[in-house]
Amino acid sequence: MQRLGGQLRVTPGAVIGWDMGAALVLAGALGVNPMIAGELLPEIEAVMVRKLNEQMEGGRDG
């Protein structure tokens, strides 16, 4: 499974997004149509950012 772990945009204490250039290159390498990737990646990114930040917040509580 491919991951974008090294391609995250972060600020201290929060994930703010993906490096979309790297995400599109990865999508292309996986054979995903670039037009489809361009449409879907922002939606996927928004969910990923929200979930990662929720996980990081949960880690601070305990």
PDB file of N, CA and C in Angstrom:
ATOM      1  N   MET A   1       0.844  -1.171   0.000  1.00  0.00           N
ATOM      2  CA  MET A   1       0.000   0.000   0.000  1.00  0.00           C
ATOM      3  C   MET A   1       0.894   1.240   0.000  1.00  0.00           C
ATOM      4  N   GLN A   2       0.571   2.208  -0.830  1.00  0.00           N
ATOM      5  CA  GLN A   2       1.329   3.447  -0.903  1.00  0.00           C
ATOM      6  C   GLN A   2       0.826   4.417   0.159  1.00  0.00           C
ATOM      7  N   ARG A   3       1.721   5.191   0.727  1.00  0.00           N
ATOM      8  CA  ARG A   3       1.352   6.180   1.743  1.00  0.00           C
ATOM      9  C   ARG A   3       1.981   7.518   1.415  1.00  0.00           C
ATOM     10  N   LEU A   4       1.338   8.575   1.880  1.00  0.00           N
ATOM     11  CA  LEU A   4       1.857   9.918   1.683  1.00  0.00           C
ATOM     12  C   LEU A   4       2.453  10.492   2.963  1.00  0.00           C
ATOM     13  N   GLY A   5       2.879   9.618   3.861  1.00  0.00           N
ATOM     14  CA  GLY A   5       3.364  10.063   5.153  1.00  0.00           C
ATOM     15  C   GLY A   5       4.431  11.132   5.094  1.00  0.00           C
ATOM     16  N   GLY A   6       5.360  11.040   4.164  1.00  0.00           N
ATOM     17  CA  GLY A   6       6.412  12.035   4.049  1.00  0.00           C
ATOM     18  C   GLY A   6       6.006  13.244   3.246  1.00  0.00           C
ATOM     19  N   GLN A   7       4.775  13.265   2.772  1.00  0.00           N
ATOM     20  CA  GLN A   7       4.324  14.346   1.904  1.00  0.00           C
ATOM     21  C   GLN A   7       3.212  15.174   2.548  1.00  0.00           C
ATOM     22  N   LEU A   8       3.200  15.207   3.866  1.00  0.00           N
ATOM     23  CA  LEU A   8       2.190  15.980   4.580  1.00  0.00           C
ATOM     24  C   LEU A   8       2.671  17.404   4.798  1.00  0.00           C
ATOM     25  N   ARG A   9       1.737  18.325   4.785  1.00  0.00           N
ATOM     26  CA  ARG A   9       2.009  19.708   5.168  1.00  0.00           C
ATOM     27  C   ARG A   9       1.559  19.844   6.606  1.00  0.00           C
ATOM     28  N   VAL A  10       2.460  20.256   7.480  1.00  0.00           N
ATOM     29  CA  VAL A  10       2.138  20.326   8.903  1.00  0.00           C
ATOM     30  C   VAL A  10       2.578  21.654   9.503  1.00  0.00           C
ATOM     31  N   THR A  11       1.909  22.007  10.584  1.00  0.00           N
ATOM     32  CA  THR A  11       2.334  23.104  11.446  1.00  0.00           C
ATOM     33  C   THR A  11       2.538  22.472  12.816  1.00  0.00           C
ATOM     34  N   PRO A  12       3.181  23.121  13.736  1.00  0.00           N
ATOM     35  CA  PRO A  12       3.342  22.516  15.057  1.00  0.00           C
ATOM     36  C   PRO A  12       1.979  22.143  15.656  1.00  0.00           C
ATOM     37  N   GLY A  13       1.783  20.849  15.834  1.00  0.00           N
ATOM     38  CA  GLY A  13       0.569  20.363  16.466  1.00  0.00           C
ATOM     39  C   GLY A  13      -0.600  20.076  15.559  1.00  0.00           C
ATOM     40  N   ALA A  14      -0.456  20.277  14.226  1.00  0.00           N
ATOM     41  CA  ALA A  14      -1.601  20.037  13.342  1.00  0.00           C
ATOM     42  C   ALA A  14      -1.141  19.673  11.932  1.00  0.00           C
ATOM     43  N   VAL A  15      -1.913  18.798  11.307  1.00  0.00           N
ATOM     44  CA  VAL A  15      -1.718  18.487   9.894  1.00  0.00           C
ATOM     45  C   VAL A  15      -2.614  19.435   9.114  1.00  0.00           C
ATOM     46  N   ILE A  16      -2.088  20.084   8.077  1.00  0.00           N
ATOM     47  CA  ILE A  16      -2.909  21.024   7.310  1.00  0.00           C
ATOM     48  C   ILE A  16      -3.201  20.552   5.889  1.00  0.00           C
ATOM     49  N   GLY A  17      -2.522  19.501   5.435  1.00  0.00           N
ATOM     50  CA  GLY A  17      -2.837  18.994   4.101  1.00  0.00           C
ATOM     51  C   GLY A  17      -1.728  18.152   3.521  1.00  0.00           C
ATOM     52  N   TRP A  18      -1.942  17.771   2.268  1.00  0.00           N
ATOM     53  CA  TRP A  18      -0.972  16.994   1.507  1.00  0.00           C
ATOM     54  C   TRP A  18      -0.192  17.904   0.580  1.00  0.00           C
ATOM     55  N   ASP A  19       0.961  17.444   0.169  1.00  0.00           N
ATOM     56  CA  ASP A  19       1.669  18.040  -0.958  1.00  0.00           C
ATOM     57  C   ASP A  19       0.960  17.480  -2.186  1.00  0.00           C
ATOM     58  N   MET A  20       0.061  18.264  -2.777  1.00  0.00           N
ATOM     59  CA  MET A  20      -0.772  17.761  -3.878  1.00  0.00           C
ATOM     60  C   MET A  20       0.052  17.391  -5.107  1.00  0.00           C
ATOM     61  N   GLY A  21       1.161  18.069  -5.318  1.00  0.00           N
ATOM     62  CA  GLY A  21       2.027  17.683  -6.432  1.00  0.00           C
ATOM     63  C   GLY A  21       2.513  16.251  -6.273  1.00  0.00           C
ATOM     64  N   ALA A  22       2.974  15.936  -5.066  1.00  0.00           N
ATOM     65  CA  ALA A  22       3.439  14.574  -4.793  1.00  0.00           C
ATOM     66  C   ALA A  22       2.286  13.581  -4.862  1.00  0.00           C
ATOM     67  N   ALA A  23       1.112  13.963  -4.375  1.00  0.00           N
ATOM     68  CA  ALA A  23      -0.048  13.074  -4.415  1.00  0.00           C
ATOM     69  C   ALA A  23      -0.446  12.768  -5.851  1.00  0.00           C
ATOM     70  N   LEU A  24      -0.404  13.766  -6.715  1.00  0.00           N
ATOM     71  CA  LEU A  24      -0.755  13.552  -8.121  1.00  0.00           C
ATOM     72  C   LEU A  24       0.284  12.689  -8.833  1.00  0.00           C
ATOM     73  N   VAL A  25       1.555  12.877  -8.507  1.00  0.00           N
ATOM     74  CA  VAL A  25       2.601  12.025  -9.088  1.00  0.00           C
ATOM     75  C   VAL A  25       2.396  10.581  -8.644  1.00  0.00           C
ATOM     76  N   LEU A  26       2.106  10.377  -7.366  1.00  0.00           N
ATOM     77  CA  LEU A  26       1.854   9.034  -6.856  1.00  0.00           C
ATOM     78  C   LEU A  26       0.637   8.419  -7.541  1.00  0.00           C
ATOM     79  N   ALA A  27      -0.429   9.194  -7.678  1.00  0.00           N
ATOM     80  CA  ALA A  27      -1.630   8.697  -8.359  1.00  0.00           C
ATOM     81  C   ALA A  27      -1.291   8.278  -9.783  1.00  0.00           C
ATOM     82  N   GLY A  28      -0.514   9.101 -10.488  1.00  0.00           N
ATOM     83  CA  GLY A  28      -0.114   8.754 -11.847  1.00  0.00           C
ATOM     84  C   GLY A  28       0.711   7.486 -11.892  1.00  0.00           C
ATOM     85  N   ALA A  29       1.622   7.331 -10.938  1.00  0.00           N
ATOM     86  CA  ALA A  29       2.454   6.127 -10.889  1.00  0.00           C
ATOM     87  C   ALA A  29       1.611   4.876 -10.633  1.00  0.00           C
ATOM     88  N   LEU A  30       0.483   5.071  -9.960  1.00  0.00           N
ATOM     89  CA  LEU A  30      -0.414   3.951  -9.686  1.00  0.00           C
ATOM     90  C   LEU A  30      -1.411   3.725 -10.828  1.00  0.00           C
ATOM     91  N   GLY A  31      -1.317   4.547 -11.867  1.00  0.00           N
ATOM     92  CA  GLY A  31      -2.187   4.377 -13.026  1.00  0.00           C
ATOM     93  C   GLY A  31      -3.541   5.058 -12.918  1.00  0.00           C
ATOM     94  N   VAL A  32      -3.689   5.964 -11.953  1.00  0.00           N
ATOM     95  CA  VAL A  32      -4.949   6.690 -11.787  1.00  0.00           C
ATOM     96  C   VAL A  32      -4.994   7.840 -12.795  1.00  0.00           C
ATOM     97  N   ASN A  33      -6.119   7.993 -13.462  1.00  0.00           N
ATOM     98  CA  ASN A  33      -6.312   9.082 -14.410  1.00  0.00           C
ATOM     99  C   ASN A  33      -6.118  10.412 -13.685  1.00  0.00           C
ATOM    100  N   PRO A  34      -5.279  11.312 -14.214  1.00  0.00           N
ATOM    101  CA  PRO A  34      -4.995  12.574 -13.509  1.00  0.00           C
ATOM    102  C   PRO A  34      -6.230  13.456 -13.316  1.00  0.00           C
ATOM    103  N   MET A  35      -7.173  13.417 -14.230  1.00  0.00           N
ATOM    104  CA  MET A  35      -8.397  14.213 -14.070  1.00  0.00           C
ATOM    105  C   MET A  35      -9.219  13.686 -12.897  1.00  0.00           C
ATOM    106  N   ILE A  36      -9.299  12.372 -12.776  1.00  0.00           N
ATOM    107  CA  ILE A  36     -10.038  11.770 -11.664  1.00  0.00           C
ATOM    108  C   ILE A  36      -9.321  12.058 -10.349  1.00  0.00           C
ATOM    109  N   ALA A  37      -7.997  11.902 -10.345  1.00  0.00           N
ATOM    110  CA  ALA A  37      -7.218  12.188  -9.132  1.00  0.00           C
ATOM    111  C   ALA A  37      -7.411  13.638  -8.706  1.00  0.00           C
ATOM    112  N   GLY A  38      -7.396  14.550  -9.664  1.00  0.00           N
ATOM    113  CA  GLY A  38      -7.574  15.965  -9.357  1.00  0.00           C
ATOM    114  C   GLY A  38      -8.931  16.279  -8.746  1.00  0.00           C
ATOM    115  N   GLU A  39      -9.930  15.510  -9.128  1.00  0.00           N
ATOM    116  CA  GLU A  39     -11.266  15.696  -8.569  1.00  0.00           C
ATOM    117  C   GLU A  39     -11.406  15.062  -7.187  1.00  0.00           C
ATOM    118  N   LEU A  40     -10.826  13.889  -7.008  1.00  0.00           N
ATOM    119  CA  LEU A  40     -11.041  13.127  -5.773  1.00  0.00           C
ATOM    120  C   LEU A  40     -10.078  13.474  -4.641  1.00  0.00           C
ATOM    121  N   LEU A  41      -8.833  13.793  -4.958  1.00  0.00           N
ATOM    122  CA  LEU A  41      -7.841  13.997  -3.906  1.00  0.00           C
ATOM    123  C   LEU A  41      -8.200  15.106  -2.910  1.00  0.00           C
ATOM    124  N   PRO A  42      -8.744  16.252  -3.328  1.00  0.00           N
ATOM    125  CA  PRO A  42      -9.089  17.262  -2.320  1.00  0.00           C
ATOM    126  C   PRO A  42     -10.137  16.778  -1.312  1.00  0.00           C
ATOM    127  N   GLU A  43     -11.099  15.988  -1.771  1.00  0.00           N
ATOM    128  CA  GLU A  43     -12.112  15.446  -0.858  1.00  0.00           C
ATOM    129  C   GLU A  43     -11.486  14.444   0.113  1.00  0.00           C
ATOM    130  N   ILE A  44     -10.637  13.581  -0.418  1.00  0.00           N
ATOM    131  CA  ILE A  44      -9.954  12.585   0.419  1.00  0.00           C
ATOM    132  C   ILE A  44      -9.031  13.286   1.410  1.00  0.00           C
ATOM    133  N   GLU A  45      -8.328  14.312   0.928  1.00  0.00           N
ATOM    134  CA  GLU A  45      -7.416  15.065   1.789  1.00  0.00           C
ATOM    135  C   GLU A  45      -8.158  15.686   2.973  1.00  0.00           C
ATOM    136  N   ALA A  46      -9.331  16.252   2.726  1.00  0.00           N
ATOM    137  CA  ALA A  46     -10.087  16.908   3.798  1.00  0.00           C
ATOM    138  C   ALA A  46     -10.442  15.921   4.902  1.00  0.00           C
ATOM    139  N   VAL A  47     -10.860  14.717   4.532  1.00  0.00           N
ATOM    140  CA  VAL A  47     -11.202  13.699   5.524  1.00  0.00           C
ATOM    141  C   VAL A  47      -9.946  13.265   6.279  1.00  0.00           C
ATOM    142  N   MET A  48      -8.846  13.044   5.539  1.00  0.00           N
ATOM    143  CA  MET A  48      -7.595  12.608   6.160  1.00  0.00           C
ATOM    144  C   MET A  48      -7.093  13.651   7.163  1.00  0.00           C
ATOM    145  N   VAL A  49      -7.129  14.916   6.794  1.00  0.00           N
ATOM    146  CA  VAL A  49      -6.661  15.983   7.690  1.00  0.00           C
ATOM    147  C   VAL A  49      -7.508  16.006   8.959  1.00  0.00           C
ATOM    148  N   ARG A  50      -8.826  15.948   8.804  1.00  0.00           N
ATOM    149  CA  ARG A  50      -9.710  15.972   9.970  1.00  0.00           C
ATOM    150  C   ARG A  50      -9.439  14.785  10.891  1.00  0.00           C
ATOM    151  N   LYS A  51      -9.320  13.589  10.334  1.00  0.00           N
ATOM    152  CA  LYS A  51      -9.118  12.387  11.150  1.00  0.00           C
ATOM    153  C   LYS A  51      -7.747  12.387  11.828  1.00  0.00           C
ATOM    154  N   LEU A  52      -6.699  12.780  11.119  1.00  0.00           N
ATOM    155  CA  LEU A  52      -5.374  12.825  11.741  1.00  0.00           C
ATOM    156  C   LEU A  52      -5.336  13.832  12.879  1.00  0.00           C
ATOM    157  N   ASN A  53      -5.943  14.991  12.670  1.00  0.00           N
ATOM    158  CA  ASN A  53      -5.955  15.997  13.729  1.00  0.00           C
ATOM    159  C   ASN A  53      -6.783  15.531  14.924  1.00  0.00           C
ATOM    160  N   GLU A  54      -7.893  14.812  14.681  1.00  0.00           N
ATOM    161  CA  GLU A  54      -8.671  14.248  15.784  1.00  0.00           C
ATOM    162  C   GLU A  54      -7.831  13.236  16.570  1.00  0.00           C
ATOM    163  N   GLN A  55      -7.078  12.396  15.865  1.00  0.00           N
ATOM    164  CA  GLN A  55      -6.236  11.416  16.533  1.00  0.00           C
ATOM    165  C   GLN A  55      -5.155  12.105  17.366  1.00  0.00           C
ATOM    166  N   MET A  56      -4.566  13.156  16.799  1.00  0.00           N
ATOM    167  CA  MET A  56      -3.520  13.869  17.530  1.00  0.00           C
ATOM    168  C   MET A  56      -4.108  14.545  18.776  1.00  0.00           C
ATOM    169  N   GLU A  57      -5.307  15.103  18.667  1.00  0.00           N
ATOM    170  CA  GLU A  57      -5.959  15.704  19.826  1.00  0.00           C
ATOM    171  C   GLU A  57      -6.237  14.670  20.902  1.00  0.00           C
ATOM    172  N   GLY A  58      -6.694  13.493  20.497  1.00  0.00           N
ATOM    173  CA  GLY A  58      -6.969  12.419  21.444  1.00  0.00           C
ATOM    174  C   GLY A  58      -5.716  11.977  22.173  1.00  0.00           C
ATOM    175  N   GLY A  59      -4.570  11.994  21.505  1.00  0.00           N
ATOM    176  CA  GLY A  59      -3.312  11.624  22.123  1.00  0.00           C
ATOM    177  C   GLY A  59      -2.857  12.615  23.173  1.00  0.00           C
ATOM    178  N   ARG A  60      -3.266  13.862  23.034  1.00  0.00           N
ATOM    179  CA  ARG A  60      -2.889  14.889  24.002  1.00  0.00           C
ATOM    180  C   ARG A  60      -3.698  14.805  25.279  1.00  0.00           C
ATOM    181  N   ASP A  61      -4.935  14.255  25.149  1.00  0.00           N
ATOM    182  CA  ASP A  61      -5.811  14.174  26.318  1.00  0.00           C
ATOM    183  C   ASP A  61      -5.337  13.152  27.336  1.00  0.00           C
ATOM    184  N   GLY A  62      -4.644  12.093  26.834  1.00  0.00           N
ATOM    185  CA  GLY A  62      -4.302  10.995  27.741  1.00  0.00           C
ATOM    186  C   GLY A  62      -2.965  11.005  28.276  1.00  0.00           C
TER     187      GLY A  62
END
